Amino acid sequence: MLNNDILRRIRYTFDFSDAEMMEVFKLADLTVTKEQILNWLKKRKRKIFKVYMISN
């Protein structure tokens, strides 16, 4: 399971909007755009699929 899969499950379990997802990342001192969130939530079969990686 990829981080993208986990993000997708969290979003739909809690019914978070794009803005709410951005706020969750902001709480962790990470700035993300709506475009990034939409790319991370795409299924792997799509051509524009990006894997979300957290690097420390």
C-alpha atoms as a PDB file:
ATOM      1  CA  MET A   1       0.000   0.000   0.000  1.00  0.00           C
ATOM      2  CA  LEU A   2       1.348   3.395  -0.991  1.00  0.00           C
ATOM      3  CA  ASN A   3       1.054   6.674   0.892  1.00  0.00           C
ATOM      4  CA  ASN A   4      -1.379   7.752  -1.829  1.00  0.00           C
ATOM      5  CA  ASP A   5      -3.681   4.850  -0.917  1.00  0.00           C
ATOM      6  CA  ILE A   6      -3.641   5.906   2.725  1.00  0.00           C
ATOM      7  CA  LEU A   7      -4.339   9.551   1.855  1.00  0.00           C
ATOM      8  CA  ARG A   8      -7.264   8.469  -0.315  1.00  0.00           C
ATOM      9  CA  ARG A   9      -8.722   6.339   2.485  1.00  0.00           C
ATOM     10  CA  ILE A  10      -8.357   9.090   5.086  1.00  0.00           C
ATOM     11  CA  ARG A  11      -9.963  11.654   2.803  1.00  0.00           C
ATOM     12  CA  TYR A  12     -13.007   9.543   2.003  1.00  0.00           C
ATOM     13  CA  THR A  13     -13.380   8.078   5.497  1.00  0.00           C
ATOM     14  CA  PHE A  14     -13.632  11.541   7.034  1.00  0.00           C
ATOM     15  CA  ASP A  15     -15.243  13.125   3.938  1.00  0.00           C
ATOM     16  CA  PHE A  16     -12.560  15.853   3.788  1.00  0.00           C
ATOM     17  CA  SER A  17     -12.743  18.514   1.076  1.00  0.00           C
ATOM     18  CA  ASP A  18      -9.643  19.720  -0.779  1.00  0.00           C
ATOM     19  CA  ALA A  19      -9.437  22.712   1.568  1.00  0.00           C
ATOM     20  CA  GLU A  20      -9.682  20.464   4.635  1.00  0.00           C
ATOM     21  CA  MET A  21      -6.936  18.212   3.289  1.00  0.00           C
ATOM     22  CA  MET A  22      -4.737  21.270   2.769  1.00  0.00           C
ATOM     23  CA  GLU A  23      -5.454  22.302   6.366  1.00  0.00           C
ATOM     24  CA  VAL A  24      -4.382  18.880   7.676  1.00  0.00           C
ATOM     25  CA  PHE A  25      -1.021  19.272   5.935  1.00  0.00           C
ATOM     26  CA  LYS A  26      -0.759  22.836   7.211  1.00  0.00           C
ATOM     27  CA  LEU A  27      -1.095  21.523  10.784  1.00  0.00           C
ATOM     28  CA  ALA A  28       2.073  19.526  10.098  1.00  0.00           C
ATOM     29  CA  ASP A  29       3.831  22.672   8.794  1.00  0.00           C
ATOM     30  CA  LEU A  30       3.610  21.470   5.184  1.00  0.00           C
ATOM     31  CA  THR A  31       2.272  23.704   2.445  1.00  0.00           C
ATOM     32  CA  VAL A  32       0.502  21.837  -0.338  1.00  0.00           C
ATOM     33  CA  THR A  33      -1.580  22.998  -3.270  1.00  0.00           C
ATOM     34  CA  LYS A  34      -4.942  21.746  -4.425  1.00  0.00           C
ATOM     35  CA  GLU A  35      -3.245  20.438  -7.574  1.00  0.00           C
ATOM     36  CA  GLN A  36      -0.829  18.333  -5.490  1.00  0.00           C
ATOM     37  CA  ILE A  37      -3.678  16.835  -3.490  1.00  0.00           C
ATOM     38  CA  LEU A  38      -5.639  15.992  -6.632  1.00  0.00           C
ATOM     39  CA  ASN A  39      -2.568  14.308  -8.167  1.00  0.00           C
ATOM     40  CA  TRP A  40      -1.932  12.282  -5.013  1.00  0.00           C
ATOM     41  CA  LEU A  41      -5.538  11.077  -4.929  1.00  0.00           C
ATOM     42  CA  LYS A  42      -5.595   9.803  -8.510  1.00  0.00           C
ATOM     43  CA  LYS A  43      -5.704   6.077  -9.041  1.00  0.00           C
ATOM     44  CA  ARG A  44      -2.491   4.346 -10.161  1.00  0.00           C
ATOM     45  CA  LYS A  45      -3.971   3.437 -13.538  1.00  0.00           C
ATOM     46  CA  ARG A  46      -4.104   7.060 -14.664  1.00  0.00           C
ATOM     47  CA  LYS A  47      -1.229   8.506 -16.680  1.00  0.00           C
ATOM     48  CA  ILE A  48      -0.692  11.493 -14.380  1.00  0.00           C
ATOM     49  CA  PHE A  49      -0.258   9.495 -11.185  1.00  0.00           C
ATOM     50  CA  LYS A  50       2.321  10.856  -8.708  1.00  0.00           C
ATOM     51  CA  VAL A  51       3.531   9.032  -5.622  1.00  0.00           C
ATOM     52  CA  TYR A  52       3.466  11.125  -2.467  1.00  0.00           C
ATOM     53  CA  MET A  53       6.715  10.842  -0.559  1.00  0.00           C
ATOM     54  CA  ILE A  54       7.549  12.431   2.780  1.00  0.00           C
ATOM     55  CA  SER A  55      11.211  13.177   3.238  1.00  0.00           C
ATOM     56  CA  ASN A  56      12.701  14.356   6.507  1.00  0.00           C
END
